Amino acid sequence: MHQKDVGNRLIRDLKSQMLRSIGSSSLLAPVEMHTLKTRVSTAALAEFRAEVWRIDLNKLATSPLRPAIGLSAHKRDWRTNALTEVAKTPTQVLQPDEYLIKDLQQSGATVEYEVIIET
């Protein structure tokens, strides 16, 4: 039996709102605008679903995939990542507890995070 996706309408509305925002932006070059519109238009439903993750910071600090520099040094790197991204869009303000971690492992020998809630 086929059931309609529960969040389909909400996601469609979100996509429409994002496309309108991109189209009316004065901060984007035409090429960037086209690229973003294409990404939003072709993105799968799963990419718009919220997730809550549990990140094991102790495992990250001792992971064989990362240099043995300690958790505080990793957090400094992740904060720098976030500051770099925010600098690209100056109207955005980085909160004191925000970090950008780009390379977490979810499978294999070292599982550094797990998804605990999916919508």
Protein backbone atom coordinates (compact mmCIF):
# COMPACT_ATOMS: atom_id res chain seq x y z
CA MET A 1 0.00 0.00 0.00
CA HIS A 2 1.45 3.38 -1.01
CA GLN A 3 1.34 6.15 1.58
CA LYS A 4 2.12 9.76 0.90
CA ASP A 5 5.19 11.12 2.63
CA VAL A 6 4.04 12.85 5.83
CA GLY A 7 6.41 15.82 5.48
CA ASN A 8 6.18 16.11 1.70
CA ARG A 9 4.04 19.28 1.68
CA LEU A 10 6.21 20.96 4.32
CA ILE A 11 9.37 20.12 2.42
CA ARG A 12 7.86 21.33 -0.86
CA ASP A 13 6.99 24.63 0.87
CA LEU A 14 10.51 24.87 2.31
CA LYS A 15 12.03 24.27 -1.13
CA SER A 16 9.78 26.97 -2.64
CA GLN A 17 10.73 29.43 0.09
CA MET A 18 14.44 28.69 -0.43
CA LEU A 19 14.13 29.18 -4.20
CA ARG A 20 12.34 32.52 -3.69
CA SER A 21 15.05 33.65 -1.26
CA ILE A 22 17.80 32.70 -3.68
CA GLY A 23 16.03 34.41 -6.56
CA SER A 24 15.57 37.66 -4.66
CA SER A 25 19.07 37.79 -3.17
CA SER A 26 21.22 40.76 -4.10
CA LEU A 27 24.30 39.10 -2.57
CA LEU A 28 24.64 36.32 -5.14
CA ALA A 29 26.25 36.40 -8.56
CA PRO A 30 24.10 34.92 -11.36
CA VAL A 31 26.27 31.79 -11.54
CA GLU A 32 25.97 31.21 -7.77
CA MET A 33 22.24 31.80 -7.97
CA HIS A 34 21.87 29.23 -10.75
CA THR A 35 24.00 26.68 -8.86
CA LEU A 36 22.03 27.08 -5.65
CA LYS A 37 18.68 26.89 -7.41
CA THR A 38 19.77 23.70 -9.14
CA ARG A 39 20.93 22.16 -5.86
CA VAL A 40 17.69 23.02 -4.06
CA SER A 41 15.51 21.86 -6.96
CA THR A 42 17.23 18.49 -7.35
CA ALA A 43 17.88 17.69 -3.68
CA ALA A 44 16.26 14.53 -2.36
CA LEU A 45 13.61 14.72 0.35
CA ALA A 46 16.00 13.11 2.84
CA GLU A 47 18.32 16.12 2.58
CA PHE A 48 15.61 18.35 4.05
CA ARG A 49 14.84 16.11 7.01
CA ALA A 50 16.15 17.20 10.38
CA GLU A 51 18.40 14.88 12.36
CA VAL A 52 19.75 14.99 15.88
CA TRP A 53 23.17 13.44 16.35
CA ARG A 54 25.02 12.15 19.37
CA ILE A 55 28.72 12.89 19.02
CA ASP A 56 31.13 11.03 21.26
CA LEU A 57 33.74 13.71 22.01
CA ASN A 58 35.98 11.29 23.92
CA LYS A 59 36.05 8.97 20.92
CA LEU A 60 36.88 11.91 18.65
CA ALA A 61 39.75 12.92 20.90
CA THR A 62 41.31 9.45 20.75
CA SER A 63 40.31 8.45 17.22
CA PRO A 64 43.03 6.78 15.14
CA LEU A 65 41.68 8.83 12.21
CA ARG A 66 42.69 12.11 13.84
CA PRO A 67 46.02 13.50 14.99
CA ALA A 68 46.61 13.01 18.72
CA ILE A 69 46.34 16.71 19.54
CA GLY A 70 43.60 16.55 22.17
CA LEU A 71 39.98 17.57 22.21
CA SER A 72 40.60 21.26 22.90
CA ALA A 73 42.79 21.54 19.79
CA HIS A 74 40.14 19.78 17.69
CA LYS A 75 37.50 22.15 19.05
CA ARG A 76 39.72 25.10 18.10
CA ASP A 77 39.98 23.71 14.56
CA TRP A 78 36.21 23.18 14.36
CA ARG A 79 35.60 26.72 15.62
CA THR A 80 37.99 28.04 12.93
CA ASN A 81 36.03 26.05 10.32
CA ALA A 82 32.82 27.72 11.51
CA LEU A 83 34.37 31.21 11.55
CA THR A 84 35.66 30.69 8.01
CA GLU A 85 32.19 29.73 6.76
CA VAL A 86 30.52 32.64 8.55
CA ALA A 87 33.03 35.07 7.04
CA LYS A 88 31.62 34.10 3.62
CA THR A 89 28.18 35.42 4.64
CA PRO A 90 28.85 38.45 6.86
CA THR A 91 25.24 38.90 7.92
CA GLN A 92 25.36 35.59 9.79
CA VAL A 93 26.48 35.70 13.41
CA LEU A 94 28.31 32.74 14.93
CA GLN A 95 27.10 31.74 18.38
CA PRO A 96 29.67 30.99 21.13
CA ASP A 97 28.86 27.28 21.15
CA GLU A 98 28.85 26.74 17.37
CA TYR A 99 31.42 24.57 15.65
CA LEU A 100 31.70 23.13 12.14
CA ILE A 101 32.89 19.53 12.09
CA LYS A 102 33.30 18.34 8.51
CA ASP A 103 34.79 14.87 8.73
CA LEU A 104 32.91 12.66 11.19
CA GLN A 105 32.87 8.90 10.59
CA GLN A 106 29.55 7.07 10.96
CA SER A 107 30.64 3.61 9.90
CA GLY A 108 33.61 1.31 9.87
CA ALA A 109 35.94 0.59 12.77
CA THR A 110 35.57 4.07 14.30
CA VAL A 111 32.01 5.31 14.76
CA GLU A 112 32.29 8.91 15.93
CA TYR A 113 28.61 9.81 15.87
CA GLU A 114 25.18 8.24 15.60
CA VAL A 115 21.83 9.61 14.50
CA ILE A 116 19.46 9.46 17.48
CA ILE A 117 16.41 11.25 16.03
CA GLU A 118 15.29 11.39 12.41
CA THR A 119 12.18 13.22 11.30
